[in-house]
Amino acid sequence: MSSREQCPYEDGRVVIDPAFKADAPARYARLRQSGPIHPAEFHLGLKGWVVVGHDLAREALTHPALLKDATPAAEALAAAGYVLHRPKVGLGAQMMEADPPEHTRLRRLASAAFTPRRTAELAPRIERIAHDLIDALPPSGEADLVEAFNAPLPATVIAELLGIPREHHLDFRRWSGQALQVASPEHRPALAGLHGLLGGLIADKRRHPQDDLLSALVAVRDEEDGRLSEEELVGTAMMLVVAGHESTVNLLGNAVLALLLHPEQLRLLRERPELMPGAVEEFLRYDTSVERSTSRYAAEDLTLGGVPIPRGGMVVVALGSAGHDAPQTAGTDPALLDVARPNPRHLAFGHGIHYCLGAPLARLETAIALRTLLSRVPELELAAPVDSLDWIGSGIIRGVLSLPVRYRVA
């Protein structure tokens, strides 16, 4: 074991870099042994604290003085190349980066368009997309499951939900995948590309409304009290595309990889498909795709888990780590994958006012996709050593960039 593996600190801080992200579950486990919160360095040299314990994570996610308003941290952010209040391009003008009362207004308006009825009605279409993707595979062979199944399924669902025309689907998939890799050179061009695409589509929907989510958001923008500004409208659409799509792509990848590495769990889930709803919760707990929360900033000097955080200090919650520290009501060791675990507890969708608006859709897509894959593909195994897999190197998402498998379709 290397000295870095024995001690995850460098110069007094945890360095959350690509090597850390590829080995995140083990690294977070070592951190939890020495406390629930640690000083950390993130991409572009940003410094702050990472919360790894479940109970402290819940406290941090609802702490009244830990806000999305980054004004107290403006100097540190500017030194790392960030500019606050970017008005034209990016994900800033939406509820994930807002505090009350703006957050309350934005979430209420987005919820008015993103209804449970609209989500439930998607089930037959999601199932059809899953079967079509498997039908498109050769009867047997090797494939990259991310490219062939995991990525196109949620991408198609969210594109159809929003009303993105088919001719834009390839650009949409490419840009949304790059937009969350914040240290990648493609990050800003991808944001600009998505912003331009969605802005143009929103103008089209205003002239020719249809039965889709973008048209519904435009109606909210133009008709409701306290309506969305144009910037907020595009920002909300960007959030739904990037956060609502990439998280599911990588949740599917992490779930399939976990099953391939635990063949007894794969066999159990095939034999007992009624376990799938609970198994989805277990995948969210065991290796969730949204590894960390977005940043929060101390509006005043405060203490968190006995650690003093100065005004302007950045705090990030390790949502995946919290799932391994959450008290489980029953079942096996939290470090183990157990698709039959009763009521797995996790914070994969957050906690408090920023709890994920798209959680029902993510659960629905994941359950249908996995159920279809396991029933249609009776032979499925990893086609490369697990330590050769490449992981997303930066940002809040955890997932493999490709998943080579050998398979046979029934």
Protein backbone atom coordinates (compact mmCIF):
# COMPACT_ATOMS: atom_id res chain seq x y z
CA MET A 1 0.00 0.00 0.00
CA SER A 2 1.41 3.42 -0.96
CA SER A 3 1.86 6.24 1.53
CA ARG A 4 -0.96 8.15 -0.16
CA GLU A 5 -3.33 5.18 0.22
CA GLN A 6 -2.40 4.93 3.92
CA CYS A 7 -2.93 8.67 4.45
CA PRO A 8 -5.31 10.40 2.04
CA TYR A 9 -3.99 13.88 3.00
CA GLU A 10 -1.52 15.96 1.00
CA ASP A 11 -0.25 19.14 2.66
CA GLY A 12 -2.97 18.81 5.29
CA ARG A 13 -5.85 18.37 2.84
CA VAL A 14 -7.68 15.61 1.02
CA VAL A 15 -6.97 16.10 -2.69
CA ILE A 16 -10.06 15.10 -4.67
CA ASP A 17 -8.44 14.52 -8.05
CA PRO A 18 -9.00 11.90 -10.79
CA ALA A 19 -7.10 9.23 -8.82
CA PHE A 20 -9.30 9.89 -5.78
CA LYS A 21 -12.50 9.74 -7.84
CA ALA A 22 -11.54 6.40 -9.42
CA ASP A 23 -11.01 4.94 -5.95
CA ALA A 24 -13.65 7.04 -4.16
CA PRO A 25 -15.47 4.37 -2.06
CA ALA A 26 -12.22 3.10 -0.49
CA ARG A 27 -10.83 6.60 0.03
CA TYR A 28 -14.00 7.85 1.68
CA ALA A 29 -14.08 4.76 3.90
CA ARG A 30 -10.60 5.62 5.21
CA LEU A 31 -11.65 9.23 5.78
CA ARG A 32 -14.74 8.18 7.76
CA GLN A 33 -12.50 6.24 10.14
CA SER A 34 -10.85 9.48 11.25
CA GLY A 35 -13.84 11.82 11.34
CA PRO A 36 -16.97 13.08 9.58
CA ILE A 37 -15.41 16.22 8.02
CA HIS A 38 -12.02 16.95 6.45
CA PRO A 39 -10.21 19.86 4.79
CA ALA A 40 -10.12 19.25 1.03
CA GLU A 41 -8.79 20.56 -2.25
CA PHE A 42 -11.02 20.28 -5.31
CA HIS A 43 -10.52 21.00 -9.01
CA LEU A 44 -8.58 24.14 -10.04
CA GLY A 45 -7.10 24.34 -6.55
CA LEU A 46 -10.34 25.34 -4.80
CA LYS A 47 -10.04 24.65 -1.09
CA GLY A 48 -12.77 23.87 1.43
CA TRP A 49 -14.14 21.00 3.48
CA VAL A 50 -15.71 17.69 2.54
CA VAL A 51 -18.33 16.08 4.82
CA VAL A 52 -18.16 12.26 4.72
CA GLY A 53 -20.34 11.17 7.68
CA HIS A 54 -24.08 10.56 7.31
CA ASP A 55 -25.41 12.52 10.29
CA LEU A 56 -23.17 15.51 9.66
CA ALA A 57 -24.10 15.38 5.97
CA ARG A 58 -27.78 15.76 6.85
CA GLU A 59 -26.90 18.68 9.12
CA ALA A 60 -24.76 20.38 6.45
CA LEU A 61 -27.41 19.99 3.75
CA THR A 62 -29.94 21.88 5.88
CA HIS A 63 -27.63 24.24 7.81
CA PRO A 64 -29.17 27.74 7.74
CA ALA A 65 -25.77 29.42 7.32
CA LEU A 66 -24.47 27.14 4.53
CA LEU A 67 -25.87 28.76 1.41
CA LYS A 68 -25.52 28.56 -2.37
CA ASP A 69 -24.73 32.30 -2.46
CA ALA A 70 -21.00 32.36 -3.21
CA THR A 71 -20.52 36.10 -2.60
CA PRO A 72 -18.52 35.57 0.64
CA ALA A 73 -16.14 33.32 -1.32
CA ALA A 74 -15.84 35.61 -4.35
CA GLU A 75 -12.12 36.35 -3.90
CA ALA A 76 -11.12 32.68 -3.62
CA LEU A 77 -13.33 31.71 -6.55
CA ALA A 78 -11.93 34.49 -8.73
CA ALA A 79 -8.38 33.30 -7.96
CA ALA A 80 -9.36 29.86 -9.29
CA GLY A 81 -10.79 31.33 -12.49
CA TYR A 82 -14.47 31.52 -11.53
CA VAL A 83 -16.56 34.64 -12.08
CA LEU A 84 -19.73 35.03 -10.05
CA HIS A 85 -23.10 35.80 -11.63
CA ARG A 86 -22.25 34.70 -15.17
CA PRO A 87 -25.43 35.94 -16.88
CA LYS A 88 -25.33 34.34 -20.33
CA VAL A 89 -23.94 30.80 -20.31
CA GLY A 90 -23.91 28.10 -17.67
CA LEU A 91 -25.97 26.50 -14.94
CA GLY A 92 -26.13 29.45 -12.55
CA ALA A 93 -29.63 30.79 -13.23
CA GLN A 94 -31.56 27.85 -11.76
CA MET A 95 -32.74 26.51 -8.44
CA MET A 96 -29.75 24.25 -7.64
CA GLU A 97 -27.61 27.37 -7.25
CA ALA A 98 -30.22 29.57 -5.53
CA ASP A 99 -31.26 30.21 -1.93
CA PRO A 100 -34.72 31.16 -0.63
CA PRO A 101 -36.75 33.10 -1.61
CA GLU A 102 -35.41 32.72 -5.18
CA HIS A 103 -35.06 28.95 -4.77
CA THR A 104 -38.63 28.63 -3.50
CA ARG A 105 -39.99 30.52 -6.50
CA LEU A 106 -37.87 28.66 -9.07
CA ARG A 107 -38.64 25.23 -7.65
CA ARG A 108 -42.37 25.96 -7.49
CA LEU A 109 -42.42 27.06 -11.12
CA ALA A 110 -40.30 24.13 -12.35
CA SER A 111 -42.43 21.69 -10.36
CA ALA A 112 -45.52 23.03 -12.09
CA ALA A 113 -44.14 21.75 -15.39
CA PHE A 114 -42.33 18.64 -14.10
CA THR A 115 -45.34 16.84 -12.62
CA PRO A 116 -45.65 13.29 -11.21
CA ARG A 117 -48.28 12.57 -13.88
CA ARG A 118 -45.85 13.47 -16.64
CA THR A 119 -43.23 11.17 -15.07
CA ALA A 120 -45.59 8.20 -14.61
CA GLU A 121 -46.82 8.44 -18.18
CA LEU A 122 -43.27 7.91 -19.44
CA ALA A 123 -43.03 4.27 -18.25
CA PRO A 124 -44.22 2.56 -21.49
CA ARG A 125 -41.98 4.78 -23.62
CA ILE A 126 -38.93 4.11 -21.40
CA GLU A 127 -39.55 0.37 -21.72
CA ARG A 128 -39.87 0.64 -25.51
CA ILE A 129 -36.59 2.59 -25.74
CA ALA A 130 -34.83 -0.04 -23.61
CA HIS A 131 -36.04 -2.90 -25.80
CA ASP A 132 -35.15 -1.01 -29.00
CA LEU A 133 -31.59 -0.47 -27.79
CA ILE A 134 -31.16 -4.16 -27.03
CA ASP A 135 -32.76 -5.10 -30.36
CA ALA A 136 -30.11 -2.96 -32.07
CA LEU A 137 -27.28 -5.07 -30.61
CA PRO A 138 -25.82 -8.03 -32.51
CA PRO A 139 -27.07 -11.31 -30.96
CA SER A 140 -23.78 -11.79 -29.11
CA GLY A 141 -20.30 -10.35 -28.85
CA GLU A 142 -18.64 -7.46 -27.06
CA ALA A 143 -19.90 -3.91 -26.65
CA ASP A 144 -19.40 -0.76 -24.62
CA LEU A 145 -22.56 -0.81 -22.53
CA VAL A 146 -22.30 2.93 -21.76
CA GLU A 147 -22.38 3.80 -25.45
CA ALA A 148 -24.85 1.10 -26.48
CA PHE A 149 -27.39 1.26 -23.64
CA ASN A 150 -26.67 3.28 -20.49
CA ALA A 151 -26.19 6.66 -22.19
CA PRO A 152 -28.74 6.60 -25.03
CA LEU A 153 -31.65 5.46 -22.85
CA PRO A 154 -31.84 8.44 -20.42
CA ALA A 155 -30.65 10.80 -23.16
CA THR A 156 -33.55 9.78 -25.39
CA VAL A 157 -36.02 10.00 -22.50
CA ILE A 158 -35.03 13.51 -21.42
CA ALA A 159 -34.75 14.71 -25.04
CA GLU A 160 -38.26 13.49 -25.82
CA LEU A 161 -39.58 14.85 -22.52
CA LEU A 162 -38.18 18.29 -23.26
CA GLY A 163 -39.15 18.18 -26.93
CA ILE A 164 -35.63 18.23 -28.42
CA PRO A 165 -35.86 17.20 -32.11
CA ARG A 166 -34.10 13.99 -33.13
CA GLU A 167 -31.62 15.82 -35.37
CA HIS A 168 -30.15 17.48 -32.25
CA HIS A 169 -29.88 14.30 -30.13
CA LEU A 170 -26.23 13.51 -30.90
CA ASP A 171 -25.03 17.03 -30.07
CA PHE A 172 -27.25 17.03 -27.00
CA ARG A 173 -25.76 13.75 -25.71
CA ARG A 174 -22.18 14.85 -26.35
CA TRP A 175 -22.55 18.27 -24.76
CA SER A 176 -24.44 17.05 -21.71
CA GLY A 177 -21.74 14.44 -21.03
CA GLN A 178 -18.99 17.06 -21.23
CA ALA A 179 -20.81 19.79 -19.28
CA LEU A 180 -20.31 18.20 -15.85
CA GLN A 181 -16.61 17.40 -16.31
CA VAL A 182 -15.57 20.74 -14.90
CA ALA A 183 -11.81 20.29 -15.28
CA SER A 184 -12.10 19.17 -18.91
CA PRO A 185 -11.25 21.60 -21.75
CA GLU A 186 -14.60 20.65 -23.32
CA HIS A 187 -16.56 21.87 -20.26
CA ARG A 188 -17.18 25.50 -21.26
CA PRO A 189 -17.73 24.84 -24.99
CA ALA A 190 -20.26 22.14 -24.03
CA LEU A 191 -22.13 24.56 -21.78
CA ALA A 192 -22.15 27.14 -24.59
CA GLY A 193 -23.39 24.56 -27.09
CA LEU A 194 -26.22 23.40 -24.84
CA HIS A 195 -27.14 26.97 -23.98
CA GLY A 196 -27.42 27.90 -27.65
CA LEU A 197 -29.39 24.77 -28.54
CA LEU A 198 -31.89 25.19 -25.71
CA GLY A 199 -32.23 28.93 -26.23
CA GLY A 200 -33.10 28.37 -29.88
CA LEU A 201 -35.57 25.60 -29.06
CA ILE A 202 -37.25 27.74 -26.43
CA ALA A 203 -37.79 30.47 -29.04
CA ASP A 204 -39.33 27.84 -31.35
CA LYS A 205 -41.61 26.51 -28.58
CA ARG A 206 -42.83 30.04 -27.87
CA ARG A 207 -43.91 30.39 -31.49
CA HIS A 208 -45.17 26.82 -31.86
CA PRO A 209 -45.95 25.25 -28.45
CA GLN A 210 -46.22 21.47 -28.24
CA ASP A 211 -46.97 18.86 -25.59
CA ASP A 212 -43.49 18.79 -24.07
CA LEU A 213 -41.63 20.10 -21.04
CA LEU A 214 -39.93 23.01 -22.78
CA SER A 215 -43.31 24.30 -23.97
CA ALA A 216 -44.66 23.90 -20.43
CA LEU A 217 -41.70 25.88 -19.03
CA VAL A 218 -42.24 28.60 -21.63
CA ALA A 219 -45.89 28.81 -20.54
CA VAL A 220 -44.75 29.18 -16.92
CA ARG A 221 -42.29 31.86 -18.04
CA ASP A 222 -44.97 33.83 -19.87
CA GLU A 223 -48.10 33.33 -17.80
CA GLU A 224 -47.51 32.55 -14.12
CA ASP A 225 -47.14 34.94 -11.19
CA GLY A 226 -43.48 35.50 -10.24
CA ARG A 227 -42.57 33.98 -13.57
CA LEU A 228 -39.19 32.76 -14.76
CA SER A 229 -36.89 35.30 -16.35
CA GLU A 230 -35.50 34.36 -19.76
CA GLU A 231 -32.14 33.55 -18.16
CA GLU A 232 -33.84 31.42 -15.51
CA LEU A 233 -35.87 29.62 -18.17
CA VAL A 234 -32.74 28.58 -20.08
CA GLY A 235 -30.90 27.81 -16.83
CA THR A 236 -33.72 25.55 -15.63
CA ALA A 237 -33.76 23.71 -18.96
CA MET A 238 -29.95 23.31 -18.72
CA MET A 239 -30.27 21.90 -15.21
CA LEU A 240 -32.93 19.38 -16.27
CA VAL A 241 -30.77 18.23 -19.19
CA VAL A 242 -27.43 17.95 -17.41
CA ALA A 243 -28.36 16.96 -13.86
CA GLY A 244 -31.40 14.92 -14.81
CA HIS A 245 -29.70 12.99 -17.60
CA GLU A 246 -26.05 12.41 -16.66
CA SER A 247 -26.88 11.26 -13.14
CA THR A 248 -29.04 8.43 -14.55
CA VAL A 249 -26.49 7.45 -17.22
CA ASN A 250 -23.89 6.90 -14.52
CA LEU A 251 -26.26 5.38 -11.98
CA LEU A 252 -26.98 2.68 -14.58
CA GLY A 253 -23.26 2.19 -15.23
CA ASN A 254 -22.40 1.94 -11.55
CA ALA A 255 -25.29 -0.47 -10.92
CA VAL A 256 -24.37 -2.80 -13.79
CA LEU A 257 -20.70 -2.77 -12.81
CA ALA A 258 -21.60 -3.58 -9.20
CA LEU A 259 -23.72 -6.53 -10.36
CA LEU A 260 -20.98 -7.83 -12.65
CA LEU A 261 -18.54 -7.72 -9.74
CA HIS A 262 -21.07 -9.49 -7.47
CA PRO A 263 -22.44 -12.35 -9.61
CA GLU A 264 -24.44 -13.81 -6.72
CA GLN A 265 -26.35 -10.51 -6.48
CA LEU A 266 -26.85 -10.47 -10.25
CA ARG A 267 -28.25 -14.01 -10.11
CA LEU A 268 -30.55 -13.12 -7.19
CA LEU A 269 -31.96 -10.08 -9.00
CA ARG A 270 -32.57 -12.13 -12.16
CA GLU A 271 -34.35 -14.83 -10.13
CA ARG A 272 -36.39 -12.34 -8.11
CA PRO A 273 -37.22 -9.32 -10.30
CA GLU A 274 -39.73 -8.16 -7.67
CA LEU A 275 -36.67 -7.00 -5.70
CA MET A 276 -35.91 -4.32 -8.31
CA PRO A 277 -37.44 -1.24 -6.58
CA GLY A 278 -35.46 -1.92 -3.41
CA ALA A 279 -32.39 -2.88 -5.45
CA VAL A 280 -32.45 0.55 -7.12
CA GLU A 281 -32.32 2.13 -3.64
CA GLU A 282 -29.39 -0.15 -2.82
CA PHE A 283 -27.52 0.93 -5.96
CA LEU A 284 -28.15 4.55 -4.98
CA ARG A 285 -26.72 3.79 -1.54
CA TYR A 286 -23.85 1.54 -2.60
CA ASP A 287 -22.29 3.58 -5.43
CA THR A 288 -24.41 6.57 -6.34
CA SER A 289 -23.64 8.58 -9.46
CA VAL A 290 -23.92 12.00 -7.79
CA GLU A 291 -20.86 11.45 -5.65
CA ARG A 292 -20.84 14.92 -4.10
CA SER A 293 -23.26 17.77 -3.60
CA THR A 294 -22.80 21.09 -5.30
CA SER A 295 -20.91 23.62 -3.19
CA ARG A 296 -22.26 25.54 -0.24
CA TYR A 297 -20.60 28.60 1.30
CA ALA A 298 -20.54 29.78 4.89
CA ALA A 299 -22.54 33.01 5.19
CA GLU A 300 -20.89 33.58 8.58
CA ASP A 301 -18.29 31.96 10.82
CA LEU A 302 -19.70 28.64 12.01
CA THR A 303 -18.73 25.27 13.47
CA LEU A 304 -19.56 22.02 11.70
CA GLY A 305 -18.77 18.70 13.33
CA GLY A 306 -16.50 20.50 15.77
CA VAL A 307 -14.53 22.09 12.91
CA PRO A 308 -14.49 25.90 12.58
CA ILE A 309 -15.55 27.08 9.10
CA PRO A 310 -14.80 30.76 8.39
CA ARG A 311 -17.17 33.03 6.50
CA GLY A 312 -16.78 32.23 2.81
CA GLY A 313 -15.57 28.69 3.48
CA MET A 314 -16.71 26.14 0.87
CA VAL A 315 -18.40 22.96 2.11
CA VAL A 316 -19.16 19.95 -0.09
CA VAL A 317 -21.10 16.88 1.08
CA ALA A 318 -19.93 13.45 -0.09
CA LEU A 319 -23.35 11.95 -0.76
CA GLY A 320 -21.93 8.57 -1.74
CA SER A 321 -19.89 8.33 1.44
CA ALA A 322 -22.95 9.17 3.54
CA GLY A 323 -24.73 6.10 2.14
CA HIS A 324 -22.02 3.86 3.60
CA ASP A 325 -22.29 5.58 6.97
CA ALA A 326 -26.10 5.69 7.17
CA PRO A 327 -27.61 3.50 9.89
CA GLN A 328 -29.35 0.60 8.14
CA THR A 329 -32.51 -0.78 9.71
CA ALA A 330 -31.64 -4.33 8.67
CA GLY A 331 -29.52 -6.33 6.27
CA THR A 332 -25.83 -6.93 5.79
CA ASP A 333 -22.75 -4.82 6.40
CA PRO A 334 -23.17 -1.39 4.71
CA ALA A 335 -19.88 -1.97 2.89
CA LEU A 336 -21.46 -4.89 1.01
CA LEU A 337 -23.88 -4.85 -1.93
CA ASP A 338 -27.20 -6.44 -0.92
CA VAL A 339 -30.01 -6.11 -3.48
CA ALA A 340 -32.42 -7.61 -0.92
CA ARG A 341 -31.53 -5.09 1.80
CA PRO A 342 -34.78 -3.83 3.38
CA ASN A 343 -35.24 -0.06 2.99
CA PRO A 344 -31.68 1.03 2.18
CA ARG A 345 -30.95 4.48 3.59
CA HIS A 346 -28.97 7.02 1.59
CA LEU A 347 -28.66 10.69 0.65
CA ALA A 348 -28.16 10.10 -3.07
CA PHE A 349 -30.85 12.65 -3.98
CA GLY A 350 -29.78 15.12 -1.29
CA HIS A 351 -31.78 16.30 1.70
CA GLY A 352 -33.79 19.39 2.53
CA ILE A 353 -34.96 22.07 0.12
CA HIS A 354 -32.54 20.99 -2.63
CA TYR A 355 -33.77 17.38 -2.69
CA CYS A 356 -33.64 16.26 -6.34
CA LEU A 357 -36.77 17.20 -8.27
CA GLY A 358 -36.07 14.44 -10.80
CA ALA A 359 -35.72 11.61 -8.26
CA PRO A 360 -38.94 9.82 -9.36
CA LEU A 361 -37.84 9.85 -13.01
CA ALA A 362 -34.34 8.58 -12.13
CA ARG A 363 -35.82 5.71 -10.10
CA LEU A 364 -38.29 4.83 -12.86
CA GLU A 365 -35.68 4.86 -15.64
CA THR A 366 -33.16 2.83 -13.64
CA ALA A 367 -35.67 0.15 -12.62
CA ILE A 368 -37.04 -0.28 -16.16
CA ALA A 369 -33.58 -0.24 -17.77
CA LEU A 370 -32.09 -2.81 -15.39
CA ARG A 371 -35.16 -5.07 -15.49
CA THR A 372 -35.10 -5.04 -19.30
CA LEU A 373 -31.35 -5.60 -19.52
CA LEU A 374 -31.35 -8.54 -17.09
CA SER A 375 -34.34 -10.23 -18.73
CA ARG A 376 -33.18 -9.73 -22.34
CA VAL A 377 -29.46 -10.40 -21.85
CA PRO A 378 -29.06 -13.68 -19.94
CA GLU A 379 -25.28 -13.75 -20.37
CA LEU A 380 -23.42 -10.60 -19.37
CA GLU A 381 -19.88 -10.26 -18.06
CA LEU A 382 -17.14 -7.68 -17.81
CA ALA A 383 -14.82 -7.80 -20.83
CA ALA A 384 -11.92 -5.88 -19.27
CA PRO A 385 -10.10 -5.90 -15.90
CA VAL A 386 -11.93 -3.66 -13.46
CA ASP A 387 -8.73 -1.75 -12.68
CA SER A 388 -8.40 -0.82 -16.37
CA LEU A 389 -11.70 1.09 -16.46
CA ASP A 390 -11.51 4.87 -16.88
CA TRP A 391 -13.62 6.98 -14.53
CA ILE A 392 -14.96 10.52 -14.89
CA GLY A 393 -12.08 12.58 -13.55
CA SER A 394 -13.68 15.77 -12.25
CA GLY A 395 -16.96 17.24 -11.07
CA ILE A 396 -19.70 15.86 -8.87
CA ILE A 397 -20.57 12.81 -11.01
CA ARG A 398 -19.01 9.38 -10.42
CA GLY A 399 -19.10 6.85 -13.25
CA VAL A 400 -17.10 4.91 -15.82
CA LEU A 401 -16.49 6.48 -19.21
CA SER A 402 -16.97 3.08 -20.85
CA LEU A 403 -18.08 -0.36 -19.69
CA PRO A 404 -16.80 -3.16 -21.99
CA VAL A 405 -18.95 -6.28 -21.70
CA ARG A 406 -19.37 -9.68 -23.33
CA TYR A 407 -23.02 -10.58 -23.79
CA ARG A 408 -25.62 -12.78 -25.42
CA VAL A 409 -29.13 -11.52 -26.16
CA ALA A 410 -32.00 -13.94 -25.57
